[in-house]
Protein backbone atom coordinates (compact mmCIF):
# COMPACT_ATOMS: atom_id res chain seq x y z
CA MET A 1 30.50 32.94 24.39
CA ILE A 2 29.59 31.31 27.74
CA ARG A 3 27.94 28.20 26.41
CA THR A 4 25.26 25.39 28.59
CA ALA A 5 25.67 22.03 28.94
CA LYS A 6 22.36 21.33 28.06
CA PRO A 7 23.41 21.54 24.41
CA ARG A 8 26.58 19.43 24.73
CA ILE A 9 24.63 17.13 26.54
CA ALA A 10 22.02 16.75 24.39
CA LEU A 11 24.49 16.34 21.32
CA ILE A 12 26.57 13.82 23.10
CA GLY A 13 23.29 11.53 23.53
CA VAL A 14 22.37 12.12 19.84
CA LEU A 15 25.93 11.16 18.94
CA LEU A 16 25.65 7.93 21.16
CA ALA A 17 22.40 7.08 19.82
CA ALA A 18 23.87 6.97 16.67
CA SER A 19 26.51 4.80 17.12
CA PHE A 20 24.35 2.43 18.36
CA GLY A 21 22.32 2.47 15.86
CA LEU A 22 18.70 4.05 17.41
CA ALA A 23 17.71 6.28 14.84
CA GLY A 24 14.32 6.39 16.88
CA PHE A 25 16.03 8.46 19.60
CA VAL A 26 17.88 10.88 17.15
CA GLU A 27 14.62 11.51 15.36
CA ALA A 28 13.16 11.94 18.55
CA ALA A 29 15.67 14.38 19.83
CA ALA A 30 15.66 16.27 16.54
CA GLU A 31 11.74 16.58 17.16
CA ALA A 32 11.74 17.90 20.91
CA PRO A 33 12.40 21.59 20.01
CA VAL A 34 9.59 21.80 17.74
CA GLN A 35 7.42 20.12 20.12
CA VAL A 36 8.05 22.31 23.06
CA ALA A 37 8.18 25.34 20.89
CA GLU A 38 4.88 24.44 19.91
CA ALA A 39 3.45 23.85 23.40
CA GLY A 40 4.89 27.40 24.49
CA ARG A 41 2.83 28.86 21.55
CA LEU A 42 -0.35 26.85 22.77
CA LYS A 43 -0.26 28.02 26.46
CA GLY A 44 0.69 31.74 25.03
CA LYS A 45 -2.23 31.55 22.87
CA VAL A 46 -4.25 29.82 25.55
CA GLN A 47 -3.46 32.33 28.46
CA ARG A 48 -4.39 35.83 25.86
CA ASP A 49 -7.50 33.83 25.24
CA LEU A 50 -8.58 34.10 29.06
CA VAL A 51 -7.41 37.76 29.39
CA GLU A 52 -9.86 38.37 26.23
CA ALA A 53 -12.75 36.33 28.32
CA ASP A 54 -11.84 38.20 31.61
CA ASP A 55 -12.33 41.40 29.81
CA LEU A 56 -15.80 40.84 28.28
CA MET A 57 -16.77 39.60 31.95
CA SER A 58 -15.25 43.21 33.59
CA LYS A 59 -17.65 44.36 30.75
CA GLY A 60 -20.61 42.81 31.50
CA ASP A 61 -21.03 40.73 28.47
CA TRP A 62 -21.66 37.67 30.16
CA SER A 63 -22.81 35.51 27.07
CA LYS A 64 -20.31 36.58 24.76
CA ALA A 65 -17.60 36.05 27.89
CA ALA A 66 -19.27 32.44 28.19
CA ASP A 67 -18.46 31.80 25.08
CA ALA A 68 -14.65 32.86 25.31
CA TYR A 69 -14.21 30.86 28.17
CA LYS A 70 -15.70 27.46 26.78
CA ALA A 71 -12.98 28.35 23.75
CA VAL A 72 -10.47 28.27 26.39
CA MET A 73 -12.10 24.90 28.05
CA ASN A 74 -12.03 23.09 24.77
CA LYS A 75 -7.83 24.33 23.79
CA ASP A 76 -6.82 23.23 27.59
CA THR A 77 -9.31 20.75 28.92
CA LYS A 78 -7.72 21.59 32.39
CA ASN A 79 -7.51 24.90 33.17
CA ALA A 80 -9.44 26.02 36.28
CA SER A 81 -9.10 29.29 35.49
CA ALA A 82 -11.22 28.99 32.42
CA PHE A 83 -13.80 26.29 33.94
CA ALA A 84 -14.16 29.10 36.82
CA GLY A 85 -15.14 32.11 34.62
CA TYR A 86 -17.51 29.96 32.34
CA GLY A 87 -19.09 28.95 35.60
CA LEU A 88 -19.21 32.55 36.72
CA ALA A 89 -20.12 34.23 32.91
CA LEU A 90 -23.33 31.10 33.05
CA GLY A 91 -24.11 32.52 37.13
CA LYS A 92 -24.43 35.82 35.83
CA GLN A 93 -26.77 34.33 33.38
CA PHE A 94 -28.87 32.81 36.38
CA LYS A 95 -27.93 29.41 34.96
CA LEU A 96 -27.42 28.22 38.54
CA ASP A 97 -27.00 24.66 38.01
CA ALA A 98 -24.36 24.96 34.90
CA ALA A 99 -22.77 27.36 36.69
CA ASP A 100 -22.31 25.50 39.79
CA GLU A 101 -21.24 22.36 37.77
CA ASN A 102 -18.32 24.04 36.35
CA PHE A 103 -17.16 25.43 40.16
CA ASP A 104 -17.20 22.10 41.00
CA LYS A 105 -14.77 21.04 38.32
CA ALA A 106 -12.72 24.10 39.24
CA LEU A 107 -12.59 23.43 42.79
CA GLN A 108 -11.27 19.78 41.68
CA MET A 109 -8.58 21.06 39.63
CA ASP A 110 -7.56 23.89 42.08
CA PRO A 111 -9.70 23.76 45.63
CA THR A 112 -8.03 27.36 46.50
CA ASN A 113 -9.51 28.94 43.02
CA ALA A 114 -10.75 32.33 44.32
CA VAL A 115 -13.43 32.78 41.35
CA ALA A 116 -14.71 28.95 41.87
CA HIS A 117 -15.83 29.95 45.42
CA VAL A 118 -16.86 33.71 44.48
CA GLY A 119 -19.12 31.94 42.14
CA LYS A 120 -20.59 29.38 44.35
CA ALA A 121 -21.60 31.94 46.65
CA LEU A 122 -23.12 34.19 43.88
CA VAL A 123 -25.21 30.97 43.38
CA LEU A 124 -26.45 30.43 46.49
CA MET A 125 -27.50 34.34 46.28
CA ASN A 126 -29.00 33.71 43.36
CA ARG A 127 -31.26 30.76 44.38
CA LEU A 128 -32.31 32.73 47.60
CA GLN A 129 -34.26 34.45 44.86
CA SER A 130 -36.34 31.54 44.06
CA SER A 131 -39.96 31.27 45.52
CA SER A 132 -39.52 27.69 46.31
CA VAL A 133 -40.83 26.71 50.41
CA THR A 134 -37.42 24.35 50.43
CA ILE A 135 -35.10 27.01 49.46
CA ARG A 136 -36.58 29.64 51.97
CA ASN A 137 -36.48 26.88 54.78
CA GLN A 138 -32.99 26.35 54.37
CA ARG A 139 -32.33 30.68 54.14
CA ASP A 140 -29.90 30.76 56.74
CA SER A 141 -27.88 27.79 56.03
CA MET A 142 -27.48 29.33 52.55
CA LEU A 143 -26.32 32.43 54.05
CA LYS A 144 -23.85 31.16 56.15
CA GLU A 145 -22.47 29.06 53.44
CA ALA A 146 -22.57 31.62 50.52
CA GLU A 147 -20.63 33.86 53.14
CA ASN A 148 -18.02 30.51 54.15
CA GLN A 149 -17.41 30.62 50.13
CA CYS A 150 -16.48 34.41 49.96
CA ARG A 151 -14.05 34.20 52.86
CA LEU A 152 -12.62 31.20 51.38
CA ALA A 153 -11.91 33.18 48.06
CA LEU A 154 -10.53 36.07 49.93
CA GLN A 155 -7.83 33.72 51.68
CA LYS A 156 -6.57 32.93 48.31
CA ASP A 157 -7.34 36.62 46.79
CA PRO A 158 -7.56 39.00 49.54
CA TYR A 159 -8.06 42.25 47.04
CA SER A 160 -10.92 40.22 44.92
CA PRO A 161 -13.66 42.93 44.23
CA GLU A 162 -16.51 40.12 43.72
CA ALA A 163 -15.42 38.38 46.92
CA HIS A 164 -15.99 41.43 48.89
CA PHE A 165 -19.31 42.70 46.88
CA GLN A 166 -20.67 38.98 47.65
CA LEU A 167 -19.39 38.56 51.24
CA GLY A 168 -21.52 42.16 51.28
CA GLN A 169 -24.48 40.47 49.74
CA SER A 170 -24.40 37.65 52.27
CA LEU A 171 -23.84 39.65 55.52
CA ARG A 172 -26.51 42.29 54.01
CA GLU A 173 -29.19 39.57 53.78
CA GLN A 174 -28.07 38.22 57.57
CA GLY A 175 -28.99 42.02 58.57
CA ARG A 176 -25.40 42.45 59.42
CA LEU A 177 -25.39 45.91 58.20
CA ASP A 178 -22.13 47.27 59.51
CA GLU A 179 -20.42 44.78 58.44
CA ALA A 180 -22.12 44.61 54.61
CA VAL A 181 -20.89 48.09 54.52
CA LYS A 182 -17.33 47.54 55.67
CA GLU A 183 -17.41 44.89 52.85
CA TYR A 184 -18.30 46.96 50.11
CA GLN A 185 -16.31 49.56 50.82
CA GLU A 186 -13.54 47.02 50.30
CA ALA A 187 -14.65 45.85 47.10
CA ILE A 188 -15.06 49.72 45.63
CA LYS A 189 -11.04 50.15 47.12
CA SER A 190 -10.55 47.53 44.49
CA ASP A 191 -12.67 48.43 42.04
CA PRO A 192 -13.62 51.91 42.32
CA LYS A 193 -15.84 52.09 39.40
CA TYR A 194 -18.10 49.11 41.25
CA SER A 195 -21.40 50.52 40.30
CA GLU A 196 -23.56 47.67 41.96
CA ALA A 197 -20.94 47.75 45.10
CA TYR A 198 -22.05 51.32 45.54
CA ALA A 199 -25.71 50.31 44.80
CA TYR A 200 -25.73 48.13 47.90
CA MET A 201 -23.91 50.21 49.79
CA GLY A 202 -26.46 53.03 49.50
CA LEU A 203 -29.48 50.45 50.01
CA SER A 204 -27.59 49.17 53.51
CA LYS A 205 -27.13 53.17 54.01
CA LEU A 206 -30.65 53.87 53.58
CA SER A 207 -31.66 50.79 55.46
CA GLN A 208 -30.05 52.36 58.61
CA ASN A 209 -31.80 55.71 57.52
CA SER A 210 -28.48 57.61 56.83
CA LEU A 211 -30.13 59.53 53.90
CA GLY A 212 -27.54 61.73 53.05
CA GLU A 213 -24.78 58.94 52.96
CA ALA A 214 -27.34 56.54 50.66
CA GLU A 215 -28.04 59.43 48.37
CA SER A 216 -23.94 60.11 47.40
CA ALA A 217 -23.56 56.11 47.48
CA LEU A 218 -26.51 55.81 45.15
CA LYS A 219 -25.46 58.88 42.94
CA GLN A 220 -22.34 57.40 42.93
CA ALA A 221 -23.48 53.78 41.20
CA ILE A 222 -25.53 55.82 38.59
CA GLN A 223 -22.76 57.82 37.51
CA TYR A 224 -20.60 54.67 37.02
CA ASN A 225 -23.29 52.61 35.22
CA PRO A 226 -26.46 55.00 34.28
CA SER A 227 -28.42 51.64 33.46
CA ASN A 228 -27.93 50.37 37.38
CA SER A 229 -31.85 49.95 37.94
CA THR A 230 -31.27 49.21 41.74
CA ALA A 231 -29.43 52.29 42.38
CA HIS A 232 -32.28 54.56 40.77
CA TYR A 233 -34.72 52.63 42.62
CA GLY A 234 -32.95 53.14 45.84
CA LEU A 235 -32.21 56.88 44.97
CA GLY A 236 -36.21 57.21 44.76
CA LYS A 237 -36.81 55.64 48.31
CA THR A 238 -33.80 57.90 49.53
CA TYR A 239 -35.76 61.14 48.07
CA LEU A 240 -39.29 60.23 49.51
CA LYS A 241 -37.97 59.64 52.83
CA MET A 242 -36.18 62.84 52.29
CA GLY A 243 -39.73 64.40 51.28
CA GLN A 244 -38.28 65.21 47.61
CA THR A 245 -41.36 63.81 45.76
CA ASP A 246 -40.84 65.01 42.43
CA ALA A 247 -37.26 63.62 42.71
CA ALA A 248 -38.36 60.39 44.07
CA ILE A 249 -40.74 59.93 41.29
CA LYS A 250 -38.30 60.30 38.62
CA GLU A 251 -35.73 58.18 39.90
CA LEU A 252 -38.66 55.52 40.35
CA ASN A 253 -40.69 55.75 36.86
CA THR A 254 -36.29 55.19 35.43
CA ALA A 255 -35.94 52.25 37.43
CA LEU A 256 -38.85 50.62 36.31
CA TYR A 257 -38.12 51.27 32.59
CA GLN A 258 -34.53 50.45 32.75
């Protein structure tokens, strides 16, 4: 059997300590493996809890995901991924100030955290929905900052569907539709069932008057999420342009009562 040097060194340390009457050292040496094992178990538990929180996010259960991330943060106060995930769950619920605060904390711990950068973009895009005159006056700079945050996220995680989607959103709002469509397509490559990416790709195609492509993308969005009101609305508008009035009314009513 091959033996490592570490157990022998530890034993020698204990014997020497005992010979010099250092009882405290002996006690600490005996407890160290237990402490290491306990730390390993805690780290494993935190990681499992983080995966469960991520899974809740992927299912769109923002409230439960927020609670799950918060539980991880209570166990590990330096877990940047938990702070970023918690912020994203809050952002999806339009709790924008609290979300931004947690993204900032995550970036203090890990300046390259992709989720936190995407989250900063999400907050900016959601703030733009405000009727505030101040916000409207800052629209162009906020869109550019959202775009920048997404590009920072993609430097760390080039395959992040959320980063590509939010980048598409910022580009679309800037009127850069061709670029936006490419980003939605990249989001779909990473997540083939990303309903929102299909929906906004369809809306972009509608704005370009590419009605067939718009219809196809919007139907795909609805296939993956029948409750996607944005997709139903876009499909209704598409059918209106195609002269299919009955189909348009059906989709618009569905969007209204979702």
